[in-house]
Protein backbone atom coordinates (compact mmCIF):
# COMPACT_ATOMS: atom_id res chain seq x y z
CA MET A 1 11.49 47.26 122.31
CA ASP A 2 13.12 50.04 120.37
CA THR A 3 15.99 51.87 122.09
CA GLY A 4 14.68 55.17 120.85
CA ALA A 5 11.31 54.44 122.38
CA GLU A 6 12.99 53.32 125.61
CA GLU A 7 14.99 56.50 125.80
CA GLY A 8 11.85 58.56 125.16
CA LEU A 9 10.03 56.62 127.84
CA ILE A 10 12.89 57.14 130.29
CA ALA A 11 12.91 60.85 129.50
CA HIS A 12 9.15 61.03 130.12
CA LEU A 13 9.52 59.12 133.39
CA LEU A 14 12.32 61.45 134.54
CA ALA A 15 10.24 64.50 133.60
CA ALA A 16 7.26 63.06 135.50
CA LYS A 17 9.43 62.42 138.55
CA ARG A 18 10.78 65.98 138.42
CA SER A 19 7.19 67.26 138.07
CA LEU A 20 6.08 65.24 141.13
CA SER A 21 9.09 66.49 143.07
CA SER A 22 8.25 70.07 142.06
CA ILE A 23 4.62 69.59 143.14
CA SER A 24 5.86 68.26 146.50
CA HIS A 25 8.11 71.32 146.90
CA VAL A 26 5.27 73.67 145.93
CA TYR A 27 2.96 71.93 148.42
CA ARG A 28 5.61 72.26 151.19
CA ALA A 29 6.18 75.92 150.27
CA ASN A 30 2.42 76.52 150.43
CA ASN A 31 2.30 74.96 153.91
CA LEU A 32 5.23 77.12 155.04
CA CYS A 33 3.56 80.27 153.67
CA THR A 34 0.27 79.42 155.39
CA SER A 35 2.03 78.65 158.68
CA THR A 36 4.05 81.87 158.45
CA ARG A 37 0.94 83.92 157.68
CA LEU A 38 -0.88 82.42 160.70
CA SER A 39 2.12 83.06 162.93
CA LEU A 40 2.33 86.64 161.68
CA GLU A 41 -1.39 87.16 162.35
CA LYS A 42 -1.00 85.76 165.88
CA ALA A 43 2.03 88.01 166.48
CA ALA A 44 0.09 91.06 165.25
CA ILE A 45 -2.82 90.23 167.56
CA LEU A 46 -0.46 89.68 170.49
CA THR A 47 1.34 92.96 169.74
CA ALA A 48 -1.98 94.82 169.63
CA ARG A 49 -3.08 93.28 172.93
CA THR A 50 0.26 94.06 174.53
CA SER A 51 0.11 97.63 173.30
CA PHE A 52 -3.43 97.99 174.64
CA LEU A 53 -2.41 96.57 178.03
CA ARG A 54 0.70 98.74 178.18
CA SER A 55 -1.42 101.82 177.40
CA GLY A 56 -3.96 100.86 180.08
CA ILE A 57 -1.29 100.19 182.68
CA SER A 58 0.44 103.45 181.81
CA SER A 59 -2.84 105.32 182.20
CA GLN A 60 -3.52 103.65 185.54
CA LEU A 61 0.01 104.48 186.68
CA ASP A 62 -0.64 108.13 185.87
CA VAL A 63 -3.77 108.02 188.03
CA LEU A 64 -1.89 106.25 190.84
CA GLU A 65 0.92 108.79 190.64
CA HIS A 66 -1.64 111.58 190.96
CA VAL A 67 -3.18 109.81 193.96
CA GLN A 68 0.25 109.32 195.53
CA LEU A 69 1.17 113.00 195.06
CA ASN A 70 -2.16 114.10 196.56
CA THR A 71 -1.66 111.71 199.45
CA GLN A 72 1.83 113.07 199.99
CA ASP A 73 0.56 116.68 199.88
CA THR A 74 -2.24 115.84 202.30
CA ALA A 75 0.20 114.14 204.67
CA ARG A 76 2.51 117.17 204.52
CA GLN A 77 -0.38 119.55 205.21
CA ASP A 78 -1.66 117.33 208.04
CA SER A 79 1.84 117.24 209.52
CA GLU A 80 2.05 121.04 209.42
CA ASP A 81 -1.41 121.33 211.00
CA PHE A 82 -0.45 118.79 213.63
CA GLY A 83 2.73 120.74 214.39
CA ALA A 84 0.66 123.92 214.82
CA ILE A 85 -1.70 122.09 217.18
CA ILE A 86 1.27 120.83 219.20
CA LEU A 87 2.59 124.39 219.49
CA ARG A 88 -0.82 125.59 220.71
CA LEU A 89 -1.01 122.68 223.18
CA ASN A 90 2.48 123.48 224.47
CA SER A 91 1.45 127.09 224.91
CA ALA A 92 -1.74 126.02 226.72
CA ASP A 93 0.32 123.68 228.93
CA ALA A 94 2.71 126.51 229.79
CA ARG A 95 -0.23 128.77 230.73
CA LEU A 96 -1.77 125.95 232.79
CA ARG A 97 1.55 125.40 234.63
CA GLU A 98 1.78 129.13 235.24
CA THR A 99 -1.79 129.18 236.62
CA LEU A 100 -1.03 126.21 238.89
CA ASP A 101 2.10 128.00 240.16
CA THR A 102 0.00 131.11 240.84
CA LEU A 103 -2.53 129.00 242.74
CA ARG A 104 0.29 127.32 244.64
CA GLY A 105 1.69 130.74 245.60
CA THR A 106 -1.66 132.18 246.66
CA ILE A 107 -2.15 131.40 250.35
CA VAL A 108 -5.68 131.33 251.76
CA GLU A 109 -5.99 133.98 254.48
CA ALA A 110 -6.35 132.71 258.01
CA GLY A 111 -9.78 134.29 258.36
CA LEU A 112 -11.13 132.23 255.46
CA ARG A 113 -10.07 128.86 256.87
CA SER A 114 -11.12 126.96 259.91
CA GLU A 115 -8.90 127.16 262.96
CA LYS A 116 -7.79 123.54 262.80
CA GLU A 117 -6.64 123.82 259.19
CA GLY A 118 -3.04 124.68 258.67
CA ARG A 119 -1.66 126.93 256.06
CA ARG A 120 -3.17 126.15 252.63
CA SER A 121 -2.87 127.53 249.13
CA LEU A 122 -5.59 127.76 246.50
CA LEU A 123 -3.94 124.80 244.76
CA ASP A 124 -5.01 122.61 247.69
CA PHE A 125 -8.61 123.05 246.48
CA VAL A 126 -7.83 121.93 242.90
CA ASP A 127 -7.72 118.28 241.82
CA GLU A 128 -4.23 118.12 240.31
CA GLY A 129 -4.76 114.46 239.42
CA GLY A 130 -7.42 115.43 236.87
CA VAL A 131 -5.09 118.00 235.32
CA GLU A 132 -2.18 115.56 235.21
CA GLY A 133 -4.44 112.79 233.87
CA LEU A 134 -5.63 115.05 231.08
CA THR A 135 -2.06 116.04 230.27
CA GLU A 136 -0.90 112.41 230.14
CA SER A 137 -3.92 111.46 228.03
CA ILE A 138 -3.11 114.21 225.54
CA LYS A 139 0.55 113.11 225.44
CA GLY A 140 -0.59 109.54 224.71
CA ILE A 141 -2.84 110.72 221.90
CA ILE A 142 0.00 112.81 220.48
CA GLY A 143 2.29 109.76 220.58
CA LYS A 144 -0.25 107.61 218.75
CA ALA A 145 -0.84 110.34 216.18
CA GLY A 146 2.92 110.57 215.62
CA GLU A 147 3.05 106.81 215.06
CA GLY A 148 0.16 107.14 212.62
CA PHE A 149 1.97 109.88 210.70
CA LYS A 150 5.12 107.75 210.53
CA GLU A 151 3.17 104.69 209.35
CA SER A 152 1.37 106.78 206.73
CA GLU A 153 4.69 108.21 205.53
CA ASP A 154 6.21 104.71 205.30
CA ASP A 155 3.18 103.40 203.36
CA ASN A 156 3.30 106.36 200.98
CA GLN A 157 7.01 105.79 200.37
CA ALA A 158 6.45 102.06 199.71
CA PHE A 159 3.62 102.95 197.31
CA PHE A 160 5.92 105.37 195.47
CA GLU A 161 8.68 102.75 195.22
CA ASP A 162 6.21 100.14 193.88
CA MET A 163 5.08 102.58 191.18
CA LEU A 164 8.70 103.26 190.20
CA CYS A 165 9.33 99.52 189.95
CA VAL A 166 6.34 99.04 187.63
CA LYS A 167 7.42 102.02 185.49
CA LYS A 168 10.97 100.66 185.23
CA THR A 169 9.62 97.24 184.24
CA LEU A 170 7.38 98.74 181.56
CA ASN A 171 10.22 100.86 180.20
CA ALA A 172 12.62 97.89 180.22
CA GLU A 173 10.08 95.72 178.36
CA ARG A 174 9.45 98.48 175.82
CA GLY A 175 13.16 98.44 174.92
CA SER A 176 13.44 94.65 174.63
CA PRO A 177 12.97 92.89 171.27
CA ALA A 178 9.54 91.48 170.39
CA ARG A 179 9.02 87.82 171.22
């Protein structure tokens, strides 16, 4: 074989090898581009979903905050109303005690009682047990209502703290880099 022909053949073989190597690199680059495009599409979809969820959660938090504020206002108003009722009950109790003292101090005249009865006041004809039972019952109801107000206040505070925690989490995630 001719050395010139051999050198030409070697040059063609080297060029063919370089061409195959280039095709392999182009094929790999195409795969990388396709993979990158798919990853970018998935990231865009995930970002859109995350944004939608964040917007929905934010909207729901606004509603919950409104509910919490209304609940707090209602609890405050109920507490004021309850305080006014307690003042009226205390006033009624004071008037009742005053009436009982008046009855205790009013002695039944001897002519209106039988001879074997001793000295008696008008209070002797009143069932004090019923009055005291009613008073104790009202005090028990007031105690339970106070416990209910305290429990409601604690629940409202826990609700408020939970909302703050969610808001802080959303705000912290908003500032973190995309994943």
